[in-house]
Amino acid sequence: MGLYHRAAEPAKTLSYGDQRRLEIARALALKPQVLLLDEPAAGMNPSEKQVLCELIRDLRQQFQLTVLLIEHHVPLVMELCDRIAVLNFGELIALGNPATVRNDPAVIEAYLGGEA
């Protein structure tokens, strides 16, 4: 997780990105089959988001994990996910691969405010 050099430091003194990686490390310590990440990119700058994306991809492969990602940062979702479910006010409006979801008229209407 890239935190070994900070092992002696209290978690509260870590940067926001390091705290997020520590949270993921704690979850992985339980050897899960499914890893649920709720808004892991919230509050991160673009370079931190890219590093996070690469980390999640690597962890998924290394630990043979299913990752359930709840995220509003669309570029991260499109880059990372094989299958996407889009909700609008709690209702499922699209389900499929990134290309299918990106071009779905209901998604375009709900999130871009226009017609497909």
PDB file of N, CA and C in Angstrom:
ATOM      1  N   MET A   1       0.816  -1.202   0.000  1.00  0.00           N
ATOM      2  CA  MET A   1       0.000   0.000   0.000  1.00  0.00           C
ATOM      3  C   MET A   1       0.858   1.264   0.000  1.00  0.00           C
ATOM      4  N   GLY A   2       2.163   1.093   0.078  1.00  0.00           N
ATOM      5  CA  GLY A   2       3.044   2.255   0.035  1.00  0.00           C
ATOM      6  C   GLY A   2       3.091   3.042   1.324  1.00  0.00           C
ATOM      7  N   LEU A   3       2.757   2.411   2.427  1.00  0.00           N
ATOM      8  CA  LEU A   3       2.709   3.118   3.713  1.00  0.00           C
ATOM      9  C   LEU A   3       3.742   2.609   4.718  1.00  0.00           C
ATOM     10  N   TYR A   4       4.554   1.656   4.348  1.00  0.00           N
ATOM     11  CA  TYR A   4       5.487   1.057   5.292  1.00  0.00           C
ATOM     12  C   TYR A   4       6.383   2.096   5.961  1.00  0.00           C
ATOM     13  N   HIS A   5       6.837   3.058   5.201  1.00  0.00           N
ATOM     14  CA  HIS A   5       7.742   4.084   5.735  1.00  0.00           C
ATOM     15  C   HIS A   5       7.048   4.990   6.762  1.00  0.00           C
ATOM     16  N   ARG A   6       5.735   4.883   6.878  1.00  0.00           N
ATOM     17  CA  ARG A   6       4.993   5.718   7.828  1.00  0.00           C
ATOM     18  C   ARG A   6       4.343   4.877   8.933  1.00  0.00           C
ATOM     19  N   ALA A   7       4.796   3.661   9.091  1.00  0.00           N
ATOM     20  CA  ALA A   7       4.183   2.707  10.015  1.00  0.00           C
ATOM     21  C   ALA A   7       4.160   3.196  11.460  1.00  0.00           C
ATOM     22  N   ALA A   8       5.126   3.988  11.877  1.00  0.00           N
ATOM     23  CA  ALA A   8       5.200   4.437  13.265  1.00  0.00           C
ATOM     24  C   ALA A   8       4.350   5.678  13.533  1.00  0.00           C
ATOM     25  N   GLU A   9       3.779   6.252  12.487  1.00  0.00           N
ATOM     26  CA  GLU A   9       3.002   7.478  12.651  1.00  0.00           C
ATOM     27  C   GLU A   9       1.546   7.165  12.973  1.00  0.00           C
ATOM     28  N   PRO A  10       0.923   7.983  13.823  1.00  0.00           N
ATOM     29  CA  PRO A  10      -0.513   7.803  14.079  1.00  0.00           C
ATOM     30  C   PRO A  10      -1.317   8.043  12.798  1.00  0.00           C
ATOM     31  N   ALA A  11      -2.364   7.280  12.602  1.00  0.00           N
ATOM     32  CA  ALA A  11      -3.180   7.387  11.387  1.00  0.00           C
ATOM     33  C   ALA A  11      -3.698   8.804  11.173  1.00  0.00           C
ATOM     34  N   LYS A  12      -4.028   9.502  12.252  1.00  0.00           N
ATOM     35  CA  LYS A  12      -4.593  10.847  12.111  1.00  0.00           C
ATOM     36  C   LYS A  12      -3.607  11.859  11.538  1.00  0.00           C
ATOM     37  N   THR A  13      -2.313  11.524  11.539  1.00  0.00           N
ATOM     38  CA  THR A  13      -1.322  12.455  10.993  1.00  0.00           C
ATOM     39  C   THR A  13      -1.043  12.204   9.509  1.00  0.00           C
ATOM     40  N   LEU A  14      -1.611  11.146   8.951  1.00  0.00           N
ATOM     41  CA  LEU A  14      -1.393  10.825   7.545  1.00  0.00           C
ATOM     42  C   LEU A  14      -2.191  11.769   6.650  1.00  0.00           C
ATOM     43  N   SER A  15      -1.710  11.953   5.435  1.00  0.00           N
ATOM     44  CA  SER A  15      -2.460  12.752   4.459  1.00  0.00           C
ATOM     45  C   SER A  15      -3.773  12.040   4.150  1.00  0.00           C
ATOM     46  N   TYR A  16      -4.680  12.765   3.539  1.00  0.00           N
ATOM     47  CA  TYR A  16      -5.984  12.190   3.217  1.00  0.00           C
ATOM     48  C   TYR A  16      -5.836  10.952   2.330  1.00  0.00           C
ATOM     49  N   GLY A  17      -5.013  11.043   1.298  1.00  0.00           N
ATOM     50  CA  GLY A  17      -4.811   9.904   0.409  1.00  0.00           C
ATOM     51  C   GLY A  17      -4.207   8.713   1.131  1.00  0.00           C
ATOM     52  N   ASP A  18      -3.249   8.974   2.022  1.00  0.00           N
ATOM     53  CA  ASP A  18      -2.650   7.896   2.807  1.00  0.00           C
ATOM     54  C   ASP A  18      -3.662   7.279   3.762  1.00  0.00           C
ATOM     55  N   GLN A  19      -4.534   8.090   4.333  1.00  0.00           N
ATOM     56  CA  GLN A  19      -5.577   7.555   5.212  1.00  0.00           C
ATOM     57  C   GLN A  19      -6.511   6.629   4.434  1.00  0.00           C
ATOM     58  N   ARG A  20      -6.833   7.006   3.204  1.00  0.00           N
ATOM     59  CA  ARG A  20      -7.705   6.152   2.386  1.00  0.00           C
ATOM     60  C   ARG A  20      -7.017   4.820   2.087  1.00  0.00           C
ATOM     61  N   ARG A  21      -5.724   4.857   1.768  1.00  0.00           N
ATOM     62  CA  ARG A  21      -4.983   3.620   1.512  1.00  0.00           C
ATOM     63  C   ARG A  21      -4.913   2.764   2.775  1.00  0.00           C
ATOM     64  N   LEU A  22      -4.761   3.404   3.936  1.00  0.00           N
ATOM     65  CA  LEU A  22      -4.741   2.673   5.200  1.00  0.00           C
ATOM     66  C   LEU A  22      -6.089   1.988   5.443  1.00  0.00           C
ATOM     67  N   GLU A  23      -7.185   2.680   5.132  1.00  0.00           N
ATOM     68  CA  GLU A  23      -8.516   2.076   5.279  1.00  0.00           C
ATOM     69  C   GLU A  23      -8.658   0.839   4.394  1.00  0.00           C
ATOM     70  N   ILE A  24      -8.156   0.931   3.179  1.00  0.00           N
ATOM     71  CA  ILE A  24      -8.220  -0.213   2.267  1.00  0.00           C
ATOM     72  C   ILE A  24      -7.352  -1.353   2.797  1.00  0.00           C
ATOM     73  N   ALA A  25      -6.168  -1.033   3.308  1.00  0.00           N
ATOM     74  CA  ALA A  25      -5.277  -2.054   3.871  1.00  0.00           C
ATOM     75  C   ALA A  25      -5.940  -2.770   5.038  1.00  0.00           C
ATOM     76  N   ARG A  26      -6.623  -2.017   5.872  1.00  0.00           N
ATOM     77  CA  ARG A  26      -7.324  -2.629   7.010  1.00  0.00           C
ATOM     78  C   ARG A  26      -8.399  -3.589   6.524  1.00  0.00           C
ATOM     79  N   ALA A  27      -9.117  -3.199   5.502  1.00  0.00           N
ATOM     80  CA  ALA A  27     -10.159  -4.076   4.951  1.00  0.00           C
ATOM     81  C   ALA A  27      -9.534  -5.339   4.347  1.00  0.00           C
ATOM     82  N   LEU A  28      -8.416  -5.181   3.659  1.00  0.00           N
ATOM     83  CA  LEU A  28      -7.762  -6.324   3.028  1.00  0.00           C
ATOM     84  C   LEU A  28      -7.187  -7.303   4.047  1.00  0.00           C
ATOM     85  N   ALA A  29      -6.880  -6.824   5.249  1.00  0.00           N
ATOM     86  CA  ALA A  29      -6.333  -7.693   6.296  1.00  0.00           C
ATOM     87  C   ALA A  29      -7.301  -8.816   6.657  1.00  0.00           C
ATOM     88  N   LEU A  30      -8.583  -8.613   6.391  1.00  0.00           N
ATOM     89  CA  LEU A  30      -9.593  -9.631   6.679  1.00  0.00           C
ATOM     90  C   LEU A  30      -9.734 -10.652   5.555  1.00  0.00           C
ATOM     91  N   LYS A  31      -8.934 -10.497   4.494  1.00  0.00           N
ATOM     92  CA  LYS A  31      -8.933 -11.388   3.337  1.00  0.00           C
ATOM     93  C   LYS A  31     -10.330 -11.547   2.729  1.00  0.00           C
ATOM     94  N   PRO A  32     -10.936 -10.444   2.345  1.00  0.00           N
ATOM     95  CA  PRO A  32     -12.291 -10.526   1.793  1.00  0.00           C
ATOM     96  C   PRO A  32     -12.305 -11.074   0.373  1.00  0.00           C
ATOM     97  N   GLN A  33     -13.468 -11.546  -0.046  1.00  0.00           N
ATOM     98  CA  GLN A  33     -13.679 -11.919  -1.441  1.00  0.00           C
ATOM     99  C   GLN A  33     -14.268 -10.740  -2.201  1.00  0.00           C
ATOM    100  N   VAL A  34     -14.977  -9.884  -1.459  1.00  0.00           N
ATOM    101  CA  VAL A  34     -15.590  -8.684  -2.027  1.00  0.00           C
ATOM    102  C   VAL A  34     -15.110  -7.487  -1.217  1.00  0.00           C
ATOM    103  N   LEU A  35     -14.686  -6.451  -1.923  1.00  0.00           N
ATOM    104  CA  LEU A  35     -14.237  -5.221  -1.276  1.00  0.00           C
ATOM    105  C   LEU A  35     -15.191  -4.103  -1.684  1.00  0.00           C
ATOM    106  N   LEU A  36     -15.892  -3.529  -0.722  1.00  0.00           N
ATOM    107  CA  LEU A  36     -16.815  -2.430  -0.972  1.00  0.00           C
ATOM    108  C   LEU A  36     -16.093  -1.123  -0.691  1.00  0.00           C
ATOM    109  N   LEU A  37     -16.021  -0.268  -1.707  1.00  0.00           N
ATOM    110  CA  LEU A  37     -15.383   1.038  -1.568  1.00  0.00           C
ATOM    111  C   LEU A  37     -16.427   2.108  -1.825  1.00  0.00           C
ATOM    112  N   ASP A  38     -16.719   2.887  -0.807  1.00  0.00           N
ATOM    113  CA  ASP A  38     -17.730   3.942  -0.898  1.00  0.00           C
ATOM    114  C   ASP A  38     -17.039   5.288  -1.061  1.00  0.00           C
ATOM    115  N   GLU A  39     -17.128   5.855  -2.249  1.00  0.00           N
ATOM    116  CA  GLU A  39     -16.535   7.156  -2.580  1.00  0.00           C
ATOM    117  C   GLU A  39     -15.048   7.220  -2.223  1.00  0.00           C
ATOM    118  N   PRO A  40     -14.245   6.248  -2.679  1.00  0.00           N
ATOM    119  CA  PRO A  40     -12.833   6.272  -2.307  1.00  0.00           C
ATOM    120  C   PRO A  40     -12.056   7.459  -2.870  1.00  0.00           C
ATOM    121  N   ALA A  41     -12.538   8.071  -3.939  1.00  0.00           N
ATOM    122  CA  ALA A  41     -11.818   9.196  -4.554  1.00  0.00           C
ATOM    123  C   ALA A  41     -12.284  10.559  -4.047  1.00  0.00           C
ATOM    124  N   ALA A  42     -13.251  10.577  -3.151  1.00  0.00           N
ATOM    125  CA  ALA A  42     -13.771  11.850  -2.636  1.00  0.00           C
ATOM    126  C   ALA A  42     -12.655  12.657  -1.993  1.00  0.00           C
ATOM    127  N   GLY A  43     -12.554  13.910  -2.372  1.00  0.00           N
ATOM    128  CA  GLY A  43     -11.572  14.814  -1.793  1.00  0.00           C
ATOM    129  C   GLY A  43     -10.174  14.693  -2.354  1.00  0.00           C
ATOM    130  N   MET A  44      -9.992  13.845  -3.353  1.00  0.00           N
ATOM    131  CA  MET A  44      -8.654  13.666  -3.927  1.00  0.00           C
ATOM    132  C   MET A  44      -8.474  14.544  -5.158  1.00  0.00           C
ATOM    133  N   ASN A  45      -7.234  14.951  -5.388  1.00  0.00           N
ATOM    134  CA  ASN A  45      -6.918  15.706  -6.599  1.00  0.00           C
ATOM    135  C   ASN A  45      -6.765  14.718  -7.759  1.00  0.00           C
ATOM    136  N   PRO A  46      -6.681  15.215  -9.003  1.00  0.00           N
ATOM    137  CA  PRO A  46      -6.620  14.308 -10.158  1.00  0.00           C
ATOM    138  C   PRO A  46      -5.482  13.293 -10.118  1.00  0.00           C
ATOM    139  N   SER A  47      -4.301  13.693  -9.679  1.00  0.00           N
ATOM    140  CA  SER A  47      -3.196  12.724  -9.653  1.00  0.00           C
ATOM    141  C   SER A  47      -3.424  11.658  -8.578  1.00  0.00           C
ATOM    142  N   GLU A  48      -3.984  12.053  -7.441  1.00  0.00           N
ATOM    143  CA  GLU A  48      -4.309  11.072  -6.400  1.00  0.00           C
ATOM    144  C   GLU A  48      -5.377  10.100  -6.890  1.00  0.00           C
ATOM    145  N   LYS A  49      -6.344  10.602  -7.646  1.00  0.00           N
ATOM    146  CA  LYS A  49      -7.392   9.730  -8.192  1.00  0.00           C
ATOM    147  C   LYS A  49      -6.799   8.712  -9.152  1.00  0.00           C
ATOM    148  N   GLN A  50      -5.843   9.120  -9.964  1.00  0.00           N
ATOM    149  CA  GLN A  50      -5.216   8.187 -10.905  1.00  0.00           C
ATOM    150  C   GLN A  50      -4.427   7.116 -10.160  1.00  0.00           C
ATOM    151  N   VAL A  51      -3.692   7.522  -9.131  1.00  0.00           N
ATOM    152  CA  VAL A  51      -2.940   6.557  -8.315  1.00  0.00           C
ATOM    153  C   VAL A  51      -3.909   5.577  -7.652  1.00  0.00           C
ATOM    154  N   LEU A  52      -5.026   6.088  -7.138  1.00  0.00           N
ATOM    155  CA  LEU A  52      -6.032   5.237  -6.517  1.00  0.00           C
ATOM    156  C   LEU A  52      -6.596   4.237  -7.523  1.00  0.00           C
ATOM    157  N   CYS A  53      -6.887   4.694  -8.713  1.00  0.00           N
ATOM    158  CA  CYS A  53      -7.415   3.828  -9.760  1.00  0.00           C
ATOM    159  C   CYS A  53      -6.454   2.679 -10.043  1.00  0.00           C
ATOM    160  N   GLU A  54      -5.193   3.001 -10.184  1.00  0.00           N
ATOM    161  CA  GLU A  54      -4.177   1.978 -10.445  1.00  0.00           C
ATOM    162  C   GLU A  54      -4.060   1.013  -9.262  1.00  0.00           C
ATOM    163  N   LEU A  55      -4.145   1.545  -8.048  1.00  0.00           N
ATOM    164  CA  LEU A  55      -4.070   0.713  -6.851  1.00  0.00           C
ATOM    165  C   LEU A  55      -5.238  -0.270  -6.809  1.00  0.00           C
ATOM    166  N   ILE A  56      -6.440   0.211  -7.037  1.00  0.00           N
ATOM    167  CA  ILE A  56      -7.619  -0.659  -6.998  1.00  0.00           C
ATOM    168  C   ILE A  56      -7.505  -1.743  -8.067  1.00  0.00           C
ATOM    169  N   ARG A  57      -7.077  -1.363  -9.253  1.00  0.00           N
ATOM    170  CA  ARG A  57      -6.914  -2.337 -10.336  1.00  0.00           C
ATOM    171  C   ARG A  57      -5.890  -3.406  -9.933  1.00  0.00           C
ATOM    172  N   ASP A  58      -4.767  -2.986  -9.363  1.00  0.00           N
ATOM    173  CA  ASP A  58      -3.730  -3.928  -8.941  1.00  0.00           C
ATOM    174  C   ASP A  58      -4.220  -4.846  -7.826  1.00  0.00           C
ATOM    175  N   LEU A  59      -4.921  -4.283  -6.849  1.00  0.00           N
ATOM    176  CA  LEU A  59      -5.433  -5.084  -5.735  1.00  0.00           C
ATOM    177  C   LEU A  59      -6.449  -6.107  -6.214  1.00  0.00           C
ATOM    178  N   ARG A  60      -7.305  -5.688  -7.121  1.00  0.00           N
ATOM    179  CA  ARG A  60      -8.328  -6.590  -7.669  1.00  0.00           C
ATOM    180  C   ARG A  60      -7.662  -7.804  -8.299  1.00  0.00           C
ATOM    181  N   GLN A  61      -6.616  -7.566  -9.059  1.00  0.00           N
ATOM    182  CA  GLN A  61      -5.923  -8.664  -9.722  1.00  0.00           C
ATOM    183  C   GLN A  61      -5.100  -9.491  -8.731  1.00  0.00           C
ATOM    184  N   GLN A  62      -4.345  -8.827  -7.880  1.00  0.00           N
ATOM    185  CA  GLN A  62      -3.451  -9.518  -6.949  1.00  0.00           C
ATOM    186  C   GLN A  62      -4.211 -10.408  -5.967  1.00  0.00           C
ATOM    187  N   PHE A  63      -5.333  -9.924  -5.452  1.00  0.00           N
ATOM    188  CA  PHE A  63      -6.077 -10.659  -4.437  1.00  0.00           C
ATOM    189  C   PHE A  63      -7.315 -11.360  -4.991  1.00  0.00           C
ATOM    190  N   GLN A  64      -7.486 -11.338  -6.320  1.00  0.00           N
ATOM    191  CA  GLN A  64      -8.642 -11.961  -6.955  1.00  0.00           C
ATOM    192  C   GLN A  64      -9.945 -11.503  -6.305  1.00  0.00           C
ATOM    193  N   LEU A  65     -10.075 -10.180  -6.177  1.00  0.00           N
ATOM    194  CA  LEU A  65     -11.215  -9.570  -5.494  1.00  0.00           C
ATOM    195  C   LEU A  65     -12.299  -9.146  -6.466  1.00  0.00           C
ATOM    196  N   THR A  66     -13.505  -9.201  -5.984  1.00  0.00           N
ATOM    197  CA  THR A  66     -14.594  -8.482  -6.618  1.00  0.00           C
ATOM    198  C   THR A  66     -14.660  -7.143  -5.891  1.00  0.00           C
ATOM    199  N   VAL A  67     -14.636  -6.055  -6.633  1.00  0.00           N
ATOM    200  CA  VAL A  67     -14.689  -4.727  -6.034  1.00  0.00           C
ATOM    201  C   VAL A  67     -16.021  -4.095  -6.383  1.00  0.00           C
ATOM    202  N   LEU A  68     -16.764  -3.726  -5.349  1.00  0.00           N
ATOM    203  CA  LEU A  68     -18.011  -2.992  -5.513  1.00  0.00           C
ATOM    204  C   LEU A  68     -17.692  -1.546  -5.194  1.00  0.00           C
ATOM    205  N   LEU A  69     -17.807  -0.698  -6.196  1.00  0.00           N
ATOM    206  CA  LEU A  69     -17.384   0.687  -6.094  1.00  0.00           C
ATOM    207  C   LEU A  69     -18.591   1.611  -6.170  1.00  0.00           C
ATOM    208  N   ILE A  70     -18.759   2.432  -5.164  1.00  0.00           N
ATOM    209  CA  ILE A  70     -19.766   3.490  -5.179  1.00  0.00           C
ATOM    210  C   ILE A  70     -18.985   4.778  -5.366  1.00  0.00           C
ATOM    211  N   GLU A  71     -19.194   5.434  -6.498  1.00  0.00           N
ATOM    212  CA  GLU A  71     -18.343   6.573  -6.824  1.00  0.00           C
ATOM    213  C   GLU A  71     -19.064   7.529  -7.768  1.00  0.00           C
ATOM    214  N   HIS A  72     -18.886   8.816  -7.539  1.00  0.00           N
ATOM    215  CA  HIS A  72     -19.466   9.846  -8.399  1.00  0.00           C
ATOM    216  C   HIS A  72     -18.485  10.390  -9.428  1.00  0.00           C
ATOM    217  N   HIS A  73     -17.217  10.079  -9.282  1.00  0.00           N
ATOM    218  CA  HIS A  73     -16.216  10.564 -10.240  1.00  0.00           C
ATOM    219  C   HIS A  73     -16.272   9.659 -11.479  1.00  0.00           C
ATOM    220  N   VAL A  74     -17.014  10.109 -12.480  1.00  0.00           N
ATOM    221  CA  VAL A  74     -17.316   9.293 -13.653  1.00  0.00           C
ATOM    222  C   VAL A  74     -16.065   8.807 -14.389  1.00  0.00           C
ATOM    223  N   PRO A  75     -15.046   9.632 -14.631  1.00  0.00           N
ATOM    224  CA  PRO A  75     -13.871   9.100 -15.327  1.00  0.00           C
ATOM    225  C   PRO A  75     -13.224   7.917 -14.614  1.00  0.00           C
ATOM    226  N   LEU A  76     -13.182   7.945 -13.291  1.00  0.00           N
ATOM    227  CA  LEU A  76     -12.618   6.833 -12.528  1.00  0.00           C
ATOM    228  C   LEU A  76     -13.466   5.588 -12.727  1.00  0.00           C
ATOM    229  N   VAL A  77     -14.773   5.738 -12.656  1.00  0.00           N
ATOM    230  CA  VAL A  77     -15.689   4.607 -12.837  1.00  0.00           C
ATOM    231  C   VAL A  77     -15.523   4.018 -14.235  1.00  0.00           C
ATOM    232  N   MET A  78     -15.496   4.861 -15.242  1.00  0.00           N
ATOM    233  CA  MET A  78     -15.391   4.393 -16.623  1.00  0.00           C
ATOM    234  C   MET A  78     -14.063   3.690 -16.889  1.00  0.00           C
ATOM    235  N   GLU A  79     -13.010   4.149 -16.247  1.00  0.00           N
ATOM    236  CA  GLU A  79     -11.693   3.549 -16.450  1.00  0.00           C
ATOM    237  C   GLU A  79     -11.526   2.239 -15.697  1.00  0.00           C
ATOM    238  N   LEU A  80     -12.145   2.129 -14.539  1.00  0.00           N
ATOM    239  CA  LEU A  80     -11.877   1.024 -13.633  1.00  0.00           C
ATOM    240  C   LEU A  80     -12.873  -0.128 -13.730  1.00  0.00           C
ATOM    241  N   CYS A  81     -14.119   0.174 -14.010  1.00  0.00           N
ATOM    242  CA  CYS A  81     -15.176  -0.829 -13.869  1.00  0.00           C
ATOM    243  C   CYS A  81     -15.459  -1.602 -15.148  1.00  0.00           C
ATOM    244  N   ASP A  82     -15.726  -2.892 -14.970  1.00  0.00           N
ATOM    245  CA  ASP A  82     -16.126  -3.748 -16.077  1.00  0.00           C
ATOM    246  C   ASP A  82     -17.632  -3.673 -16.304  1.00  0.00           C
ATOM    247  N   ARG A  83     -18.344  -3.458 -15.218  1.00  0.00           N
ATOM    248  CA  ARG A  83     -19.803  -3.410 -15.255  1.00  0.00           C
ATOM    249  C   ARG A  83     -20.266  -2.279 -14.357  1.00  0.00           C
ATOM    250  N   ILE A  84     -21.217  -1.500 -14.847  1.00  0.00           N
ATOM    251  CA  ILE A  84     -21.663  -0.308 -14.134  1.00  0.00           C
ATOM    252  C   ILE A  84     -23.176  -0.335 -13.989  1.00  0.00           C
ATOM    253  N   ALA A  85     -23.627  -0.010 -12.791  1.00  0.00           N
ATOM    254  CA  ALA A  85     -25.052   0.191 -12.539  1.00  0.00           C
ATOM    255  C   ALA A  85     -25.231   1.665 -12.213  1.00  0.00           C
ATOM    256  N   VAL A  86     -26.160   2.320 -12.906  1.00  0.00           N
ATOM    257  CA  VAL A  86     -26.410   3.746 -12.690  1.00  0.00           C
ATOM    258  C   VAL A  86     -27.776   3.905 -12.045  1.00  0.00           C
ATOM    259  N   LEU A  87     -27.786   4.635 -10.938  1.00  0.00           N
ATOM    260  CA  LEU A  87     -29.028   4.918 -10.228  1.00  0.00           C
ATOM    261  C   LEU A  87     -29.376   6.389 -10.374  1.00  0.00           C
ATOM    262  N   ASN A  88     -30.655   6.656 -10.449  1.00  0.00           N
ATOM    263  CA  ASN A  88     -31.154   8.031 -10.448  1.00  0.00           C
ATOM    264  C   ASN A  88     -32.280   8.072  -9.428  1.00  0.00           C
ATOM    265  N   PHE A  89     -32.073   8.801  -8.338  1.00  0.00           N
ATOM    266  CA  PHE A  89     -33.035   8.861  -7.238  1.00  0.00           C
ATOM    267  C   PHE A  89     -33.411   7.458  -6.762  1.00  0.00           C
ATOM    268  N   GLY A  90     -32.392   6.583  -6.633  1.00  0.00           N
ATOM    269  CA  GLY A  90     -32.585   5.240  -6.110  1.00  0.00           C
ATOM    270  C   GLY A  90     -33.136   4.239  -7.096  1.00  0.00           C
ATOM    271  N   GLU A  91     -33.378   4.635  -8.316  1.00  0.00           N
ATOM    272  CA  GLU A  91     -33.929   3.734  -9.331  1.00  0.00           C
ATOM    273  C   GLU A  91     -32.852   3.377 -10.345  1.00  0.00           C
ATOM    274  N   LEU A  92     -32.719   2.087 -10.643  1.00  0.00           N
ATOM    275  CA  LEU A  92     -31.755   1.633 -11.630  1.00  0.00           C
ATOM    276  C   LEU A  92     -32.190   2.095 -13.016  1.00  0.00           C
ATOM    277  N   ILE A  93     -31.320   2.862 -13.679  1.00  0.00           N
ATOM    278  CA  ILE A  93     -31.667   3.347 -15.017  1.00  0.00           C
ATOM    279  C   ILE A  93     -30.761   2.770 -16.107  1.00  0.00           C
ATOM    280  N   ALA A  94     -29.630   2.182 -15.716  1.00  0.00           N
ATOM    281  CA  ALA A  94     -28.754   1.572 -16.709  1.00  0.00           C
ATOM    282  C   ALA A  94     -27.862   0.544 -16.040  1.00  0.00           C
ATOM    283  N   LEU A  95     -27.534  -0.497 -16.794  1.00  0.00           N
ATOM    284  CA  LEU A  95     -26.659  -1.552 -16.306  1.00  0.00           C
ATOM    285  C   LEU A  95     -25.915  -2.109 -17.505  1.00  0.00           C
ATOM    286  N   GLY A  96     -24.596  -2.142 -17.401  1.00  0.00           N
ATOM    287  CA  GLY A  96     -23.823  -2.700 -18.505  1.00  0.00           C
ATOM    288  C   GLY A  96     -22.377  -2.280 -18.448  1.00  0.00           C
ATOM    289  N   ASN A  97     -21.684  -2.507 -19.547  1.00  0.00           N
ATOM    290  CA  ASN A  97     -20.276  -2.121 -19.618  1.00  0.00           C
ATOM    291  C   ASN A  97     -20.178  -0.603 -19.794  1.00  0.00           C
ATOM    292  N   PRO A  98     -18.984  -0.042 -19.626  1.00  0.00           N
ATOM    293  CA  PRO A  98     -18.855   1.421 -19.706  1.00  0.00           C
ATOM    294  C   PRO A  98     -19.385   2.029 -21.009  1.00  0.00           C
ATOM    295  N   ALA A  99     -19.121   1.403 -22.142  1.00  0.00           N
ATOM    296  CA  ALA A  99     -19.587   1.965 -23.420  1.00  0.00           C
ATOM    297  C   ALA A  99     -21.109   1.987 -23.497  1.00  0.00           C
ATOM    298  N   THR A 100     -21.726   0.926 -23.034  1.00  0.00           N
ATOM    299  CA  THR A 100     -23.191   0.848 -23.053  1.00  0.00           C
ATOM    300  C   THR A 100     -23.797   1.914 -22.155  1.00  0.00           C
ATOM    301  N   VAL A 101     -23.266   2.040 -20.946  1.00  0.00           N
ATOM    302  CA  VAL A 101     -23.792   3.005 -19.980  1.00  0.00           C
ATOM    303  C   VAL A 101     -23.562   4.434 -20.453  1.00  0.00           C
ATOM    304  N   ARG A 102     -22.388   4.706 -20.991  1.00  0.00           N
ATOM    305  CA  ARG A 102     -22.045   6.051 -21.462  1.00  0.00           C
ATOM    306  C   ARG A 102     -23.016   6.546 -22.526  1.00  0.00           C
ATOM    307  N   ASN A 103     -23.516   5.631 -23.342  1.00  0.00           N
ATOM    308  CA  ASN A 103     -24.402   6.001 -24.447  1.00  0.00           C
ATOM    309  C   ASN A 103     -25.875   5.778 -24.159  1.00  0.00           C
ATOM    310  N   ASP A 104     -26.202   5.394 -22.943  1.00  0.00           N
ATOM    311  CA  ASP A 104     -27.597   5.126 -22.598  1.00  0.00           C
ATOM    312  C   ASP A 104     -28.384   6.436 -22.527  1.00  0.00           C
ATOM    313  N   PRO A 105     -29.489   6.551 -23.257  1.00  0.00           N
ATOM    314  CA  PRO A 105     -30.280   7.794 -23.256  1.00  0.00           C
ATOM    315  C   PRO A 105     -30.764   8.205 -21.866  1.00  0.00           C
ATOM    316  N   ALA A 106     -31.121   7.239 -21.020  1.00  0.00           N
ATOM    317  CA  ALA A 106     -31.598   7.571 -19.674  1.00  0.00           C
ATOM    318  C   ALA A 106     -30.478   8.180 -18.831  1.00  0.00           C
ATOM    319  N   VAL A 107     -29.263   7.694 -19.000  1.00  0.00           N
ATOM    320  CA  VAL A 107     -28.114   8.229 -18.271  1.00  0.00           C
ATOM    321  C   VAL A 107     -27.806   9.641 -18.758  1.00  0.00           C
ATOM    322  N   ILE A 108     -27.827   9.822 -20.061  1.00  0.00           N
ATOM    323  CA  ILE A 108     -27.555  11.136 -20.627  1.00  0.00           C
ATOM    324  C   ILE A 108     -28.592  12.144 -20.132  1.00  0.00           C
ATOM    325  N   GLU A 109     -29.836  11.763 -20.145  1.00  0.00           N
ATOM    326  CA  GLU A 109     -30.921  12.653 -19.699  1.00  0.00           C
ATOM    327  C   GLU A 109     -30.769  12.981 -18.204  1.00  0.00           C
ATOM    328  N   ALA A 110     -30.515  11.964 -17.388  1.00  0.00           N
ATOM    329  CA  ALA A 110     -30.459  12.157 -15.935  1.00  0.00           C
ATOM    330  C   ALA A 110     -29.234  12.958 -15.497  1.00  0.00           C
ATOM    331  N   TYR A 111     -28.101  12.724 -16.142  1.00  0.00           N
ATOM    332  CA  TYR A 111     -26.862  13.315 -15.641  1.00  0.00           C
ATOM    333  C   TYR A 111     -26.286  14.426 -16.489  1.00  0.00           C
ATOM    334  N   LEU A 112     -26.756  14.555 -17.713  1.00  0.00           N
ATOM    335  CA  LEU A 112     -26.274  15.636 -18.549  1.00  0.00           C
ATOM    336  C   LEU A 112     -27.374  16.634 -18.892  1.00  0.00           C
ATOM    337  N   GLY A 113     -28.595  16.260 -18.550  1.00  0.00           N
ATOM    338  CA  GLY A 113     -29.711  17.177 -18.716  1.00  0.00           C
ATOM    339  C   GLY A 113     -30.149  17.404 -20.144  1.00  0.00           C
ATOM    340  N   GLY A 114     -29.804  16.512 -21.021  1.00  0.00           N
ATOM    341  CA  GLY A 114     -30.211  16.665 -22.404  1.00  0.00           C
ATOM    342  C   GLY A 114     -30.693  15.370 -22.968  1.00  0.00           C
ATOM    343  N   GLU A 115     -31.099  15.403 -24.183  1.00  0.00           N
ATOM    344  CA  GLU A 115     -31.567  14.198 -24.849  1.00  0.00           C
ATOM    345  C   GLU A 115     -30.407  13.546 -25.568  1.00  0.00           C
ATOM    346  N   ALA A 116     -30.496  12.239 -25.710  1.00  0.00           N
ATOM    347  CA  ALA A 116     -29.445  11.466 -26.391  1.00  0.00           C
ATOM    348  C   ALA A 116     -29.464  11.729 -27.888  1.00  0.00           C
TER     349      ALA A 116
END
